[in-house]
C-alpha atoms as a PDB file:
ATOM      1  CA  MET A   1       0.068   0.068  -0.032  1.00  0.00           C
ATOM      2  CA  LEU A   2       1.066   3.487  -0.826  1.00  0.00           C
ATOM      3  CA  ARG A   3       1.734   5.401   2.431  1.00  0.00           C
ATOM      4  CA  SER A   4       3.055   8.578   1.362  1.00  0.00           C
ATOM      5  CA  THR A   5       3.832  10.598  -1.518  1.00  0.00           C
ATOM      6  CA  VAL A   6       5.942  13.957  -1.175  1.00  0.00           C
ATOM      7  CA  LEU A   7       7.214  16.492  -3.642  1.00  0.00           C
ATOM      8  CA  MET A   8      10.714  17.614  -2.749  1.00  0.00           C
ATOM      9  CA  CYS A   9      13.081  20.051  -4.451  1.00  0.00           C
ATOM     10  CA  HIS A  10      16.809  19.139  -5.022  1.00  0.00           C
ATOM     11  CA  ALA A  11      18.896  22.446  -4.686  1.00  0.00           C
ATOM     12  CA  PRO A  12      21.727  21.724  -2.431  1.00  0.00           C
ATOM     13  CA  ILE A  13      21.620  24.980  -1.000  1.00  0.00           C
ATOM     14  CA  VAL A  14      18.647  24.396   1.007  1.00  0.00           C
ATOM     15  CA  ILE A  15      20.900  22.064   3.078  1.00  0.00           C
ATOM     16  CA  PRO A  16      22.274  24.341   5.695  1.00  0.00           C
ATOM     17  CA  ALA A  17      25.818  23.091   5.869  1.00  0.00           C
ATOM     18  CA  ILE A  18      26.075  23.871   2.196  1.00  0.00           C
ATOM     19  CA  ALA A  19      24.169  27.239   2.363  1.00  0.00           C
ATOM     20  CA  ARG A  20      26.142  28.552   5.148  1.00  0.00           C
ATOM     21  CA  GLY A  21      25.640  32.389   5.263  1.00  0.00           C
ATOM     22  CA  GLU A  22      22.945  32.024   2.846  1.00  0.00           C
ATOM     23  CA  ALA A  23      20.809  29.612   4.691  1.00  0.00           C
ATOM     24  CA  SER A  24      18.248  32.255   6.069  1.00  0.00           C
ATOM     25  CA  ARG A  25      17.225  33.091   2.529  1.00  0.00           C
ATOM     26  CA  CYS A  26      15.615  29.658   1.969  1.00  0.00           C
ATOM     27  CA  GLU A  27      14.776  28.703   5.487  1.00  0.00           C
ATOM     28  CA  ALA A  28      10.943  28.287   4.601  1.00  0.00           C
ATOM     29  CA  THR A  29      12.124  25.529   1.992  1.00  0.00           C
ATOM     30  CA  THR A  30      14.632  23.912   4.445  1.00  0.00           C
ATOM     31  CA  ALA A  31      11.889  23.706   7.142  1.00  0.00           C
ATOM     32  CA  ALA A  32       9.523  22.273   4.656  1.00  0.00           C
ATOM     33  CA  MET A  33      12.114  19.815   3.345  1.00  0.00           C
ATOM     34  CA  ALA A  34      12.506  18.528   6.949  1.00  0.00           C
ATOM     35  CA  GLN A  35       8.732  18.239   7.510  1.00  0.00           C
ATOM     36  CA  ALA A  36       7.976  16.483   4.332  1.00  0.00           C
ATOM     37  CA  ALA A  37      10.858  13.979   5.089  1.00  0.00           C
ATOM     38  CA  ALA A  38       9.585  13.499   8.473  1.00  0.00           C
ATOM     39  CA  ARG A  39       5.985  12.898   7.472  1.00  0.00           C
ATOM     40  CA  LEU A  40       7.370  10.368   5.135  1.00  0.00           C
ATOM     41  CA  ALA A  41       9.625   8.605   7.560  1.00  0.00           C
ATOM     42  CA  ALA A  42       6.599   8.287  10.063  1.00  0.00           C
ATOM     43  CA  SER A  43       4.247   7.151   7.374  1.00  0.00           C
ATOM     44  CA  GLY A  44       4.763   3.404   8.084  1.00  0.00           C
ATOM     45  CA  ALA A  45       6.200   2.788   4.404  1.00  0.00           C
ATOM     46  CA  ARG A  46       9.141   0.122   4.648  1.00  0.00           C
ATOM     47  CA  ARG A  47      10.487   0.940   1.175  1.00  0.00           C
ATOM     48  CA  VAL A  48      10.986   4.107  -0.881  1.00  0.00           C
ATOM     49  CA  ALA A  49      10.894   4.732  -4.625  1.00  0.00           C
ATOM     50  CA  LEU A  50      12.500   8.188  -5.606  1.00  0.00           C
ATOM     51  CA  LEU A  51      12.260   9.774  -9.125  1.00  0.00           C
ATOM     52  CA  THR A  52      15.050  12.187 -10.160  1.00  0.00           C
ATOM     53  CA  PRO A  53      15.308  14.181 -13.394  1.00  0.00           C
ATOM     54  CA  HIS A  54      19.108  14.297 -13.202  1.00  0.00           C
ATOM     55  CA  ALA A  55      20.050  10.642 -13.292  1.00  0.00           C
ATOM     56  CA  PRO A  56      22.017   9.789 -16.497  1.00  0.00           C
ATOM     57  CA  ARG A  57      19.406   9.261 -19.244  1.00  0.00           C
ATOM     58  CA  HIS A  58      19.089   6.456 -22.113  1.00  0.00           C
ATOM     59  CA  GLY A  59      17.343   7.368 -25.332  1.00  0.00           C
ATOM     60  CA  GLN A  60      14.191   5.390 -24.732  1.00  0.00           C
ATOM     61  CA  ALA A  61      14.540   3.451 -21.476  1.00  0.00           C
ATOM     62  CA  PHE A  62      13.868   4.776 -17.878  1.00  0.00           C
ATOM     63  CA  GLY A  63      16.930   4.240 -15.726  1.00  0.00           C
ATOM     64  CA  PHE A  64      17.527   3.067 -12.223  1.00  0.00           C
ATOM     65  CA  TYR A  65      20.607   3.055 -10.172  1.00  0.00           C
ATOM     66  CA  GLY A  66      21.625  -0.791  -9.423  1.00  0.00           C
ATOM     67  CA  GLY A  67      23.817  -2.244  -6.620  1.00  0.00           C
ATOM     68  CA  PRO A  68      23.686  -3.217  -3.128  1.00  0.00           C
ATOM     69  CA  THR A  69      23.601   0.500  -1.919  1.00  0.00           C
ATOM     70  CA  VAL A  70      22.627   3.736  -3.300  1.00  0.00           C
ATOM     71  CA  SER A  71      24.993   6.508  -2.224  1.00  0.00           C
ATOM     72  CA  GLY A  72      26.876   9.867  -2.803  1.00  0.00           C
ATOM     73  CA  ASN A  73      28.456  12.875  -1.432  1.00  0.00           C
ATOM     74  CA  PHE A  74      28.070  16.720  -1.814  1.00  0.00           C
ATOM     75  CA  GLY A  75      31.869  17.101  -2.745  1.00  0.00           C
ATOM     76  CA  ARG A  76      30.589  19.032  -5.949  1.00  0.00           C
ATOM     77  CA  PHE A  77      29.087  21.496  -3.661  1.00  0.00           C
ATOM     78  CA  GLY A  78      31.935  21.933  -1.133  1.00  0.00           C
ATOM     79  CA  ALA A  79      30.616  19.663   1.412  1.00  0.00           C
ATOM     80  CA  ARG A  80      32.523  16.160   0.749  1.00  0.00           C
ATOM     81  CA  GLY A  81      31.712  15.223   4.309  1.00  0.00           C
ATOM     82  CA  LEU A  82      28.191  15.191   3.792  1.00  0.00           C
ATOM     83  CA  ARG A  83      27.425  11.767   2.583  1.00  0.00           C
ATOM     84  CA  VAL A  84      23.927   9.875   1.839  1.00  0.00           C
ATOM     85  CA  GLU A  85      23.811   5.955   1.810  1.00  0.00           C
ATOM     86  CA  PHE A  86      20.895   3.668   1.847  1.00  0.00           C
ATOM     87  CA  PRO A  87      20.257  -0.002   0.915  1.00  0.00           C
ATOM     88  CA  GLY A  88      19.270  -0.616  -2.543  1.00  0.00           C
ATOM     89  CA  ASP A  89      16.005  -2.539  -3.375  1.00  0.00           C
ATOM     90  CA  PRO A  90      16.651  -5.207  -5.943  1.00  0.00           C
ATOM     91  CA  GLU A  91      13.337  -6.884  -5.148  1.00  0.00           C
ATOM     92  CA  ALA A  92      11.590  -3.701  -6.084  1.00  0.00           C
ATOM     93  CA  LEU A  93      13.626  -2.926  -9.069  1.00  0.00           C
ATOM     94  CA  ALA A  94      12.827  -6.497 -10.386  1.00  0.00           C
ATOM     95  CA  ALA A  95       9.002  -5.942  -9.739  1.00  0.00           C
ATOM     96  CA  VAL A  96       8.761  -2.718 -11.387  1.00  0.00           C
ATOM     97  CA  SER A  97      10.894  -3.956 -14.297  1.00  0.00           C
ATOM     98  CA  GLN A  98       8.267  -6.793 -14.814  1.00  0.00           C
ATOM     99  CA  ALA A  99       5.426  -4.108 -14.633  1.00  0.00           C
ATOM    100  CA  ALA A 100       6.971  -1.885 -17.144  1.00  0.00           C
ATOM    101  CA  ALA A 101       7.768  -4.578 -19.587  1.00  0.00           C
ATOM    102  CA  ARG A 102       4.137  -5.541 -19.616  1.00  0.00           C
ATOM    103  CA  ARG A 103       3.158  -1.982 -20.839  1.00  0.00           C
ATOM    104  CA  GLY A 104       6.108  -2.006 -23.388  1.00  0.00           C
ATOM    105  CA  LEU A 105       8.597   0.266 -21.375  1.00  0.00           C
ATOM    106  CA  GLU A 106      12.142  -0.670 -20.793  1.00  0.00           C
ATOM    107  CA  LEU A 107      14.355   0.006 -17.813  1.00  0.00           C
ATOM    108  CA  HIS A 108      18.167   0.193 -17.928  1.00  0.00           C
ATOM    109  CA  PRO A 109      20.541   0.110 -15.102  1.00  0.00           C
ATOM    110  CA  VAL A 110      22.949   3.167 -14.432  1.00  0.00           C
ATOM    111  CA  HIS A 111      26.274   1.353 -13.390  1.00  0.00           C
ATOM    112  CA  GLY A 112      29.117   2.624 -11.242  1.00  0.00           C
ATOM    113  CA  ARG A 113      27.704   5.988 -10.646  1.00  0.00           C
ATOM    114  CA  ASP A 114      27.167   7.935  -7.319  1.00  0.00           C
ATOM    115  CA  LEU A 115      23.622   9.403  -6.905  1.00  0.00           C
ATOM    116  CA  ASP A 116      23.058  12.849  -8.686  1.00  0.00           C
ATOM    117  CA  HIS A 117      21.786  15.597  -6.838  1.00  0.00           C
ATOM    118  CA  GLY A 118      18.249  15.160  -7.691  1.00  0.00           C
ATOM    119  CA  ALA A 119      18.259  12.129  -5.358  1.00  0.00           C
ATOM    120  CA  LEU A 120      21.022  13.244  -2.902  1.00  0.00           C
ATOM    121  CA  VAL A 121      19.198  16.359  -1.821  1.00  0.00           C
ATOM    122  CA  PRO A 122      15.907  14.758  -0.786  1.00  0.00           C
ATOM    123  CA  LEU A 123      17.641  11.625   0.474  1.00  0.00           C
ATOM    124  CA  TRP A 124      19.873  13.886   2.801  1.00  0.00           C
ATOM    125  CA  PHE A 125      16.563  15.211   4.390  1.00  0.00           C
ATOM    126  CA  LEU A 126      15.028  11.646   4.516  1.00  0.00           C
ATOM    127  CA  GLN A 127      18.314  10.260   6.214  1.00  0.00           C
ATOM    128  CA  GLU A 128      18.163  13.235   8.700  1.00  0.00           C
ATOM    129  CA  ALA A 129      14.554  12.204   9.514  1.00  0.00           C
ATOM    130  CA  GLY A 130      15.901   8.729  10.562  1.00  0.00           C
ATOM    131  CA  TRP A 131      14.647   6.564   7.507  1.00  0.00           C
ATOM    132  CA  ARG A 132      17.040   3.555   7.059  1.00  0.00           C
ATOM    133  CA  GLY A 133      14.921   1.507   4.756  1.00  0.00           C
ATOM    134  CA  PRO A 134      15.538   0.441   1.119  1.00  0.00           C
ATOM    135  CA  VAL A 135      15.395   2.907  -1.514  1.00  0.00           C
ATOM    136  CA  ALA A 136      15.121   2.323  -5.364  1.00  0.00           C
ATOM    137  CA  VAL A 137      16.021   5.354  -7.604  1.00  0.00           C
ATOM    138  CA  TYR A 138      14.826   5.851 -10.968  1.00  0.00           C
ATOM    139  CA  GLY A 139      15.403   8.448 -13.900  1.00  0.00           C
ATOM    140  CA  PHE A 140      13.983   9.189 -17.117  1.00  0.00           C
ATOM    141  CA  PRO A 141      14.574   8.651 -20.847  1.00  0.00           C
ATOM    142  CA  TRP A 142      15.469  11.443 -23.337  1.00  0.00           C
ATOM    143  CA  HIS A 143      12.421  10.641 -25.361  1.00  0.00           C
ATOM    144  CA  GLY A 144       9.041   9.052 -24.567  1.00  0.00           C
ATOM    145  CA  GLY A 145       6.393  11.716 -24.035  1.00  0.00           C
ATOM    146  CA  ASP A 146       4.024  12.237 -21.189  1.00  0.00           C
ATOM    147  CA  SER A 147       2.011   9.330 -21.854  1.00  0.00           C
ATOM    148  CA  GLY A 148       5.002   7.067 -21.496  1.00  0.00           C
ATOM    149  CA  ARG A 149       5.719   8.725 -18.254  1.00  0.00           C
ATOM    150  CA  VAL A 150       2.301   8.312 -16.840  1.00  0.00           C
ATOM    151  CA  ALA A 151       2.395   4.691 -17.947  1.00  0.00           C
ATOM    152  CA  PHE A 152       5.756   4.231 -16.069  1.00  0.00           C
ATOM    153  CA  GLY A 153       3.910   5.718 -13.081  1.00  0.00           C
ATOM    154  CA  GLU A 154       1.232   2.964 -13.233  1.00  0.00           C
ATOM    155  CA  ALA A 155       3.961   0.325 -13.761  1.00  0.00           C
ATOM    156  CA  LEU A 156       5.803   1.753 -10.807  1.00  0.00           C
ATOM    157  CA  ALA A 157       2.543   1.431  -8.688  1.00  0.00           C
ATOM    158  CA  SER A 158       1.816  -1.888  -9.843  1.00  0.00           C
ATOM    159  CA  GLY A 159       5.192  -3.485  -9.243  1.00  0.00           C
ATOM    160  CA  MET A 160       5.401  -1.939  -5.759  1.00  0.00           C
ATOM    161  CA  GLU A 161       2.064  -3.085  -4.865  1.00  0.00           C
ATOM    162  CA  ARG A 162       2.749  -6.661  -6.037  1.00  0.00           C
ATOM    163  CA  LEU A 163       5.568  -6.767  -3.463  1.00  0.00           C
ATOM    164  CA  GLY A 164       3.002  -6.403  -0.512  1.00  0.00           C
ATOM    165  CA  SER A 165       4.779  -4.091   1.627  1.00  0.00           C
ATOM    166  CA  PRO A 166       4.013  -0.310   2.557  1.00  0.00           C
ATOM    167  CA  TRP A 167       5.812   2.114   0.462  1.00  0.00           C
ATOM    168  CA  ALA A 168       6.313   5.541  -0.183  1.00  0.00           C
ATOM    169  CA  LEU A 169       7.122   7.699  -3.374  1.00  0.00           C
ATOM    170  CA  LEU A 170       9.554  10.685  -3.139  1.00  0.00           C
ATOM    171  CA  ALA A 171       9.168  12.797  -6.319  1.00  0.00           C
ATOM    172  CA  SER A 172      12.140  15.326  -6.932  1.00  0.00           C
ATOM    173  CA  GLY A 173      11.958  18.434  -9.095  1.00  0.00           C
ATOM    174  CA  ASP A 174      12.692  21.848  -9.007  1.00  0.00           C
ATOM    175  CA  CYS A 175      10.570  24.660 -10.785  1.00  0.00           C
ATOM    176  CA  SER A 176      11.678  27.373 -13.033  1.00  0.00           C
ATOM    177  CA  HIS A 177      15.449  28.117 -13.175  1.00  0.00           C
ATOM    178  CA  ARG A 178      14.872  31.672 -14.814  1.00  0.00           C
ATOM    179  CA  LEU A 179      12.943  33.580 -12.229  1.00  0.00           C
ATOM    180  CA  THR A 180      15.450  36.637 -11.552  1.00  0.00           C
ATOM    181  CA  PRO A 181      18.274  38.298 -13.380  1.00  0.00           C
ATOM    182  CA  GLY A 182      21.311  36.296 -12.523  1.00  0.00           C
ATOM    183  CA  ALA A 183      19.512  32.954 -12.156  1.00  0.00           C
ATOM    184  CA  PRO A 184      21.246  29.845 -13.391  1.00  0.00           C
ATOM    185  CA  ALA A 185      19.565  29.453 -16.792  1.00  0.00           C
ATOM    186  CA  GLY A 186      19.170  33.201 -17.521  1.00  0.00           C
ATOM    187  CA  PHE A 187      16.005  35.330 -16.987  1.00  0.00           C
ATOM    188  CA  ASP A 188      12.565  35.320 -18.566  1.00  0.00           C
ATOM    189  CA  PRO A 189       9.837  37.438 -17.227  1.00  0.00           C
ATOM    190  CA  LEU A 190       7.254  34.725 -17.982  1.00  0.00           C
ATOM    191  CA  ALA A 191       9.100  32.153 -15.672  1.00  0.00           C
ATOM    192  CA  ALA A 192       7.276  33.216 -12.600  1.00  0.00           C
ATOM    193  CA  GLN A 193       3.974  32.699 -14.410  1.00  0.00           C
ATOM    194  CA  PHE A 194       5.037  28.946 -14.935  1.00  0.00           C
ATOM    195  CA  ASP A 195       5.806  28.729 -11.242  1.00  0.00           C
ATOM    196  CA  ARG A 196       2.286  30.114 -10.335  1.00  0.00           C
ATOM    197  CA  ARG A 197       0.612  27.575 -12.602  1.00  0.00           C
ATOM    198  CA  LEU A 198       2.593  24.800 -11.073  1.00  0.00           C
ATOM    199  CA  VAL A 199       1.856  25.802  -7.521  1.00  0.00           C
ATOM    200  CA  GLU A 200      -1.894  26.063  -8.241  1.00  0.00           C
ATOM    201  CA  ALA A 201      -1.774  22.505  -9.985  1.00  0.00           C
ATOM    202  CA  VAL A 202       0.003  20.998  -6.938  1.00  0.00           C
ATOM    203  CA  GLN A 203      -2.512  22.517  -4.670  1.00  0.00           C
ATOM    204  CA  GLU A 204      -5.557  21.358  -6.646  1.00  0.00           C
ATOM    205  CA  GLY A 205      -4.172  18.062  -7.587  1.00  0.00           C
ATOM    206  CA  ARG A 206      -3.945  18.835 -11.172  1.00  0.00           C
ATOM    207  CA  GLU A 207      -0.380  17.821 -11.962  1.00  0.00           C
ATOM    208  CA  SER A 208      -1.110  15.945 -15.059  1.00  0.00           C
ATOM    209  CA  ASP A 209      -2.274  19.239 -16.556  1.00  0.00           C
ATOM    210  CA  LEU A 210       1.145  20.793 -16.685  1.00  0.00           C
ATOM    211  CA  GLY A 211       2.607  18.491 -19.423  1.00  0.00           C
ATOM    212  CA  ARG A 212      -0.304  18.795 -21.775  1.00  0.00           C
ATOM    213  CA  ASP A 213      -1.170  22.373 -21.543  1.00  0.00           C
ATOM    214  CA  GLN A 214       2.142  24.297 -20.782  1.00  0.00           C
ATOM    215  CA  ALA A 215       4.668  22.978 -23.176  1.00  0.00           C
ATOM    216  CA  GLU A 216       5.767  26.409 -24.313  1.00  0.00           C
ATOM    217  CA  LEU A 217       6.005  27.845 -20.806  1.00  0.00           C
ATOM    218  CA  ARG A 218       7.691  24.903 -19.645  1.00  0.00           C
ATOM    219  CA  GLU A 219      10.620  25.469 -21.883  1.00  0.00           C
ATOM    220  CA  LEU A 220      11.057  29.100 -21.315  1.00  0.00           C
ATOM    221  CA  ALA A 221      10.895  28.458 -17.649  1.00  0.00           C
ATOM    222  CA  ALA A 222      13.517  25.846 -18.050  1.00  0.00           C
ATOM    223  CA  GLU A 223      11.956  23.459 -15.198  1.00  0.00           C
ATOM    224  CA  ASP A 224      12.729  19.938 -14.203  1.00  0.00           C
ATOM    225  CA  VAL A 225       9.700  18.987 -12.138  1.00  0.00           C
ATOM    226  CA  VAL A 226       6.958  18.142 -14.820  1.00  0.00           C
ATOM    227  CA  GLU A 227       8.308  14.864 -15.898  1.00  0.00           C
ATOM    228  CA  THR A 228       8.419  13.673 -12.168  1.00  0.00           C
ATOM    229  CA  LEU A 229       4.924  14.922 -11.636  1.00  0.00           C
ATOM    230  CA  GLU A 230       3.630  13.005 -14.796  1.00  0.00           C
ATOM    231  CA  VAL A 231       5.057   9.822 -13.435  1.00  0.00           C
ATOM    232  CA  THR A 232       3.815  10.638  -9.842  1.00  0.00           C
ATOM    233  CA  SER A 233       0.172  11.228 -11.540  1.00  0.00           C
ATOM    234  CA  GLY A 234       0.419   7.772 -13.014  1.00  0.00           C
ATOM    235  CA  VAL A 235       1.141   6.443  -9.599  1.00  0.00           C
ATOM    236  CA  LEU A 236      -1.602   8.468  -7.691  1.00  0.00           C
ATOM    237  CA  GLY A 237      -4.410   8.105 -10.109  1.00  0.00           C
ATOM    238  CA  GLU A 238      -7.392   9.606  -8.126  1.00  0.00           C
ATOM    239  CA  ASP A 239      -5.696   9.215  -4.766  1.00  0.00           C
ATOM    240  CA  ARG A 240      -5.398  12.712  -3.276  1.00  0.00           C
ATOM    241  CA  ALA A 241      -5.902  11.832   0.335  1.00  0.00           C
ATOM    242  CA  GLY A 242      -4.078  13.960   2.706  1.00  0.00           C
ATOM    243  CA  ARG A 243      -2.661  16.444   0.251  1.00  0.00           C
ATOM    244  CA  GLU A 244      -0.968  19.385   1.948  1.00  0.00           C
ATOM    245  CA  PHE A 245       1.027  22.255   0.319  1.00  0.00           C
ATOM    246  CA  LEU A 246       4.045  22.905   2.431  1.00  0.00           C
ATOM    247  CA  SER A 247       6.111  25.633   0.965  1.00  0.00           C
ATOM    248  CA  TYR A 248       7.218  27.652  -2.356  1.00  0.00           C
ATOM    249  CA  GLU A 249       9.937  30.236  -2.772  1.00  0.00           C
ATOM    250  CA  GLY A 250      12.657  31.289  -5.329  1.00  0.00           C
ATOM    251  CA  PRO A 251      15.363  33.162  -3.364  1.00  0.00           C
ATOM    252  CA  PHE A 252      18.109  32.384  -5.880  1.00  0.00           C
ATOM    253  CA  GLY A 253      16.170  32.593  -9.201  1.00  0.00           C
ATOM    254  CA  VAL A 254      14.983  28.825  -9.032  1.00  0.00           C
ATOM    255  CA  GLY A 255      11.562  28.047  -7.825  1.00  0.00           C
ATOM    256  CA  TYR A 256      11.390  25.307  -4.954  1.00  0.00           C
ATOM    257  CA  CYS A 257       7.978  23.784  -4.390  1.00  0.00           C
ATOM    258  CA  VAL A 258       7.385  21.279  -1.354  1.00  0.00           C
ATOM    259  CA  ALA A 259       4.129  19.560  -0.825  1.00  0.00           C
ATOM    260  CA  VAL A 260       2.788  16.291   0.391  1.00  0.00           C
ATOM    261  CA  LEU A 261       0.885  15.021  -2.381  1.00  0.00           C
ATOM    262  CA  GLN A 262      -0.670  11.967  -0.902  1.00  0.00           C
ATOM    263  CA  GLU A 263      -0.792  10.579   2.711  1.00  0.00           C
ATOM    264  CA  ALA A 264      -2.769   7.454   3.633  1.00  0.00           C
ATOM    265  CA  PRO A 265      -4.585   7.725   6.855  1.00  0.00           C
ATOM    266  CA  PRO A 266      -3.093   6.196  10.069  1.00  0.00           C
END
């Protein structure tokens, strides 16, 4: 049974040890990330599936990190001493691969790589919240379209449910990267409009609308959250129980949205 689904951002600067003197500028996001991780950790889930837009990509196949552990550190961001490590979940990977194959979808492993920051940042908060269970990390193909991502979400839910143990979904993504002059991808005055629509969609349970209706706005916003939300919509179907919007801000030119998208009752 799916116990919890959370949307978390993946900007390393929301980790206080990386932000240092800038931490106060994103403290609302940092607090929301800690809250989302704590809610997931307390949900009763026994395994976690994580979606990251920054995993190395295949042309047509969804990716996954294989191996007995999933791990990495924040050396690229000036904090090599910060490390994340969890047991891998080969049982879940096998079940999801079989469910995906029944839908004509391929999964390919990512070999010999540390986790990307799309996985590391939310997992750091989950680790801080005390979670120690197995984690399966999935990435996206370069090609495939929104229908393929929704179908993968359905396969992910089917495979995980077949295992018969409670689980949680951690959806990683950042909003626009063009909110302000000096933002990482440059500035576009319409980028904030994309983020407003995304926040409204998350609050109202309309994530699947973003991929269909906002293609041009997505491109100019330089976002990396919609693919994640399309898969998530395939997982959730109509389940919106316990939904709670936690935070949105964009202090460094990138939008950070954090929410509980689904939470099963106790």
